[in-house]
Amino acid sequence: MAGPLFLRKQRAVTDMKKILSLIPKLSEPTFEQDVSRIKQAASALRPGRERDVLTKKARQMQIAAHLDAWLTSPGLQPPRQS
């Protein structure tokens, strides 16, 4: 056993706060710039948990950008009532 449960949870919370502090603050609504900043932050890290979290966050933001582009496209039509 690695220690009492509350100490492991406290360490997990501390680790997550450290990881989240590595993610640049989102100041602009453009996903592409934020994705590139997060990828740069991830590439500066050695392979491990923090790098994996940042890589996952960048991928999630890429997906969000694609969904946003799709949802705001002028070709999107509401369902027709028949």
N, C-alpha and C. Protein backbone atom coordinates (compact mmCIF):
# COMPACT_ATOMS: atom_id res chain seq x y z
N MET A 1 0.85 -1.19 0.00
CA MET A 1 0.00 0.00 0.00
C MET A 1 0.89 1.25 0.00
N ALA A 2 0.53 2.23 -0.76
CA ALA A 2 1.35 3.42 -0.96
C ALA A 2 1.10 4.49 0.10
N GLY A 3 0.24 4.25 1.04
CA GLY A 3 -0.06 5.22 2.07
C GLY A 3 -1.55 5.34 2.26
N PRO A 4 -1.94 6.09 3.27
CA PRO A 4 -3.38 6.27 3.51
C PRO A 4 -4.08 6.87 2.30
N LEU A 5 -5.33 6.51 2.16
CA LEU A 5 -6.12 6.95 1.00
C LEU A 5 -6.18 8.46 0.90
N PHE A 6 -6.36 9.16 2.03
CA PHE A 6 -6.49 10.62 1.96
C PHE A 6 -5.20 11.27 1.47
N LEU A 7 -4.03 10.67 1.78
CA LEU A 7 -2.78 11.22 1.28
C LEU A 7 -2.62 10.99 -0.22
N ARG A 8 -3.08 9.82 -0.70
CA ARG A 8 -3.02 9.55 -2.13
C ARG A 8 -3.94 10.49 -2.89
N LYS A 9 -5.14 10.73 -2.36
CA LYS A 9 -6.07 11.65 -3.02
C LYS A 9 -5.52 13.07 -3.00
N GLN A 10 -4.91 13.46 -1.88
CA GLN A 10 -4.34 14.80 -1.79
C GLN A 10 -3.21 14.96 -2.81
N ARG A 11 -2.39 13.92 -2.99
CA ARG A 11 -1.32 13.98 -3.98
C ARG A 11 -1.88 14.06 -5.39
N ALA A 12 -2.96 13.30 -5.64
CA ALA A 12 -3.59 13.34 -6.96
C ALA A 12 -4.11 14.73 -7.27
N VAL A 13 -4.71 15.37 -6.28
CA VAL A 13 -5.24 16.73 -6.47
C VAL A 13 -4.08 17.69 -6.73
N THR A 14 -3.01 17.56 -5.97
CA THR A 14 -1.83 18.41 -6.17
C THR A 14 -1.23 18.20 -7.55
N ASP A 15 -1.13 16.93 -7.97
CA ASP A 15 -0.61 16.64 -9.30
C ASP A 15 -1.48 17.26 -10.38
N MET A 16 -2.79 17.15 -10.24
CA MET A 16 -3.70 17.71 -11.25
C MET A 16 -3.60 19.23 -11.30
N LYS A 17 -3.46 19.88 -10.14
CA LYS A 17 -3.29 21.33 -10.13
C LYS A 17 -2.01 21.72 -10.85
N LYS A 18 -0.95 20.93 -10.66
CA LYS A 18 0.31 21.21 -11.35
C LYS A 18 0.13 21.06 -12.85
N ILE A 19 -0.55 20.01 -13.27
CA ILE A 19 -0.78 19.79 -14.69
C ILE A 19 -1.61 20.92 -15.29
N LEU A 20 -2.68 21.30 -14.60
CA LEU A 20 -3.55 22.36 -15.11
C LEU A 20 -2.82 23.70 -15.17
N SER A 21 -1.85 23.91 -14.27
CA SER A 21 -1.11 25.17 -14.30
C SER A 21 -0.21 25.25 -15.54
N LEU A 22 0.11 24.10 -16.14
CA LEU A 22 0.93 24.09 -17.35
C LEU A 22 0.15 24.50 -18.60
N ILE A 23 -1.17 24.38 -18.53
CA ILE A 23 -2.01 24.74 -19.66
C ILE A 23 -2.12 26.26 -19.71
N PRO A 24 -1.76 26.86 -20.82
CA PRO A 24 -1.84 28.31 -20.92
C PRO A 24 -3.28 28.79 -20.71
N LYS A 25 -3.39 29.95 -20.11
CA LYS A 25 -4.72 30.53 -19.90
C LYS A 25 -5.34 30.90 -21.24
N LEU A 26 -6.60 30.59 -21.40
CA LEU A 26 -7.30 30.85 -22.66
C LEU A 26 -7.78 32.30 -22.65
N SER A 27 -7.16 33.12 -23.47
CA SER A 27 -7.51 34.53 -23.49
C SER A 27 -8.26 34.91 -24.77
N GLU A 28 -8.15 34.08 -25.78
CA GLU A 28 -8.79 34.37 -27.06
C GLU A 28 -9.70 33.21 -27.43
N PRO A 29 -10.75 33.48 -28.18
CA PRO A 29 -11.67 32.40 -28.52
C PRO A 29 -11.19 31.50 -29.67
N THR A 30 -9.98 31.69 -30.13
CA THR A 30 -9.50 30.88 -31.24
C THR A 30 -8.87 29.59 -30.73
N PHE A 31 -9.42 28.48 -31.19
CA PHE A 31 -8.94 27.18 -30.73
C PHE A 31 -7.56 26.86 -31.27
N GLU A 32 -7.28 27.23 -32.51
CA GLU A 32 -6.03 26.84 -33.14
C GLU A 32 -4.82 27.39 -32.40
N GLN A 33 -4.89 28.65 -31.98
CA GLN A 33 -3.78 29.24 -31.24
C GLN A 33 -3.60 28.55 -29.90
N ASP A 34 -4.71 28.25 -29.23
CA ASP A 34 -4.63 27.58 -27.94
C ASP A 34 -4.09 26.17 -28.09
N VAL A 35 -4.49 25.48 -29.14
CA VAL A 35 -3.99 24.13 -29.38
C VAL A 35 -2.49 24.16 -29.60
N SER A 36 -2.01 25.11 -30.38
CA SER A 36 -0.57 25.17 -30.65
C SER A 36 0.20 25.50 -29.38
N ARG A 37 -0.33 26.36 -28.52
CA ARG A 37 0.35 26.68 -27.26
C ARG A 37 0.41 25.46 -26.35
N ILE A 38 -0.69 24.71 -26.28
CA ILE A 38 -0.72 23.53 -25.42
C ILE A 38 0.23 22.46 -25.97
N LYS A 39 0.28 22.31 -27.29
CA LYS A 39 1.22 21.35 -27.89
C LYS A 39 2.67 21.74 -27.61
N GLN A 40 2.97 23.02 -27.65
CA GLN A 40 4.33 23.48 -27.34
C GLN A 40 4.67 23.18 -25.88
N ALA A 41 3.70 23.42 -24.98
CA ALA A 41 3.93 23.13 -23.57
C ALA A 41 4.16 21.63 -23.37
N ALA A 42 3.40 20.80 -24.09
CA ALA A 42 3.55 19.35 -23.96
C ALA A 42 4.88 18.88 -24.53
N SER A 43 5.31 19.47 -25.62
CA SER A 43 6.57 19.03 -26.24
C SER A 43 7.78 19.40 -25.37
N ALA A 44 7.63 20.38 -24.49
CA ALA A 44 8.73 20.78 -23.61
C ALA A 44 8.88 19.81 -22.44
N LEU A 45 7.89 18.96 -22.22
CA LEU A 45 7.93 18.02 -21.09
C LEU A 45 8.50 16.68 -21.52
N ARG A 46 9.02 15.96 -20.53
CA ARG A 46 9.45 14.59 -20.78
C ARG A 46 8.21 13.70 -20.82
N PRO A 47 8.30 12.55 -21.50
CA PRO A 47 7.14 11.65 -21.52
C PRO A 47 6.70 11.30 -20.10
N GLY A 48 5.40 11.34 -19.90
CA GLY A 48 4.85 11.05 -18.58
C GLY A 48 3.42 11.53 -18.49
N ARG A 49 2.95 11.55 -17.26
CA ARG A 49 1.54 11.87 -17.02
C ARG A 49 1.17 13.29 -17.46
N GLU A 50 2.02 14.26 -17.09
CA GLU A 50 1.70 15.65 -17.43
C GLU A 50 1.65 15.86 -18.94
N ARG A 51 2.61 15.26 -19.63
CA ARG A 51 2.63 15.39 -21.10
C ARG A 51 1.40 14.73 -21.71
N ASP A 52 1.02 13.57 -21.20
CA ASP A 52 -0.17 12.89 -21.71
C ASP A 52 -1.43 13.72 -21.51
N VAL A 53 -1.54 14.36 -20.35
CA VAL A 53 -2.72 15.19 -20.07
C VAL A 53 -2.79 16.37 -21.03
N LEU A 54 -1.64 17.02 -21.26
CA LEU A 54 -1.62 18.16 -22.18
C LEU A 54 -1.91 17.73 -23.61
N THR A 55 -1.37 16.59 -24.01
CA THR A 55 -1.64 16.08 -25.36
C THR A 55 -3.12 15.77 -25.53
N LYS A 56 -3.71 15.17 -24.52
CA LYS A 56 -5.15 14.86 -24.56
C LYS A 56 -5.97 16.15 -24.63
N LYS A 57 -5.57 17.16 -23.86
CA LYS A 57 -6.28 18.43 -23.86
C LYS A 57 -6.20 19.10 -25.24
N ALA A 58 -5.04 19.02 -25.87
CA ALA A 58 -4.88 19.61 -27.21
C ALA A 58 -5.79 18.89 -28.20
N ARG A 59 -5.85 17.57 -28.11
CA ARG A 59 -6.72 16.80 -29.01
C ARG A 59 -8.19 17.14 -28.78
N GLN A 60 -8.58 17.29 -27.51
CA GLN A 60 -9.96 17.66 -27.21
C GLN A 60 -10.29 19.03 -27.79
N MET A 61 -9.34 19.95 -27.73
CA MET A 61 -9.59 21.28 -28.27
C MET A 61 -9.65 21.25 -29.79
N GLN A 62 -8.87 20.37 -30.43
CA GLN A 62 -8.98 20.23 -31.89
C GLN A 62 -10.37 19.71 -32.27
N ILE A 63 -10.85 18.75 -31.53
CA ILE A 63 -12.20 18.23 -31.79
C ILE A 63 -13.24 19.32 -31.56
N ALA A 64 -13.07 20.09 -30.50
CA ALA A 64 -14.00 21.19 -30.22
C ALA A 64 -13.98 22.22 -31.35
N ALA A 65 -12.81 22.48 -31.91
CA ALA A 65 -12.71 23.43 -33.03
C ALA A 65 -13.46 22.91 -34.25
N HIS A 66 -13.31 21.62 -34.52
CA HIS A 66 -14.03 21.04 -35.67
C HIS A 66 -15.54 21.08 -35.44
N LEU A 67 -15.97 20.76 -34.23
CA LEU A 67 -17.40 20.82 -33.93
C LEU A 67 -17.93 22.24 -34.02
N ASP A 68 -17.14 23.19 -33.51
CA ASP A 68 -17.56 24.59 -33.57
C ASP A 68 -17.69 25.06 -35.01
N ALA A 69 -16.72 24.69 -35.84
CA ALA A 69 -16.78 25.07 -37.26
C ALA A 69 -17.99 24.44 -37.93
N TRP A 70 -18.27 23.20 -37.59
CA TRP A 70 -19.41 22.52 -38.19
C TRP A 70 -20.73 23.14 -37.74
N LEU A 71 -20.83 23.43 -36.44
CA LEU A 71 -22.09 23.98 -35.91
C LEU A 71 -22.35 25.41 -36.37
N THR A 72 -21.30 26.16 -36.63
CA THR A 72 -21.49 27.56 -37.05
C THR A 72 -21.39 27.74 -38.55
N SER A 73 -21.30 26.64 -39.29
CA SER A 73 -21.20 26.76 -40.74
C SER A 73 -22.53 27.25 -41.32
N PRO A 74 -22.47 28.05 -42.39
CA PRO A 74 -23.70 28.59 -42.97
C PRO A 74 -24.54 27.51 -43.65
N GLY A 75 -23.95 26.38 -43.97
CA GLY A 75 -24.69 25.33 -44.64
C GLY A 75 -25.54 24.48 -43.70
N LEU A 76 -25.38 24.66 -42.41
CA LEU A 76 -26.13 23.85 -41.45
C LEU A 76 -27.59 24.32 -41.42
N GLN A 77 -28.49 23.41 -41.64
CA GLN A 77 -29.92 23.71 -41.72
C GLN A 77 -30.66 23.00 -40.59
N PRO A 78 -31.69 23.63 -40.05
CA PRO A 78 -32.49 22.93 -39.04
C PRO A 78 -33.33 21.83 -39.70
N PRO A 79 -33.75 20.85 -38.93
CA PRO A 79 -34.60 19.80 -39.52
C PRO A 79 -35.89 20.37 -40.10
N ARG A 80 -36.33 19.79 -41.19
CA ARG A 80 -37.57 20.27 -41.83
C ARG A 80 -38.77 19.56 -41.23
N GLN A 81 -39.82 20.33 -41.05
CA GLN A 81 -41.08 19.76 -40.57
C GLN A 81 -41.89 19.31 -41.77
N SER A 82 -42.35 18.04 -41.77
CA SER A 82 -43.15 17.58 -42.91
C SER A 82 -44.58 17.38 -42.54
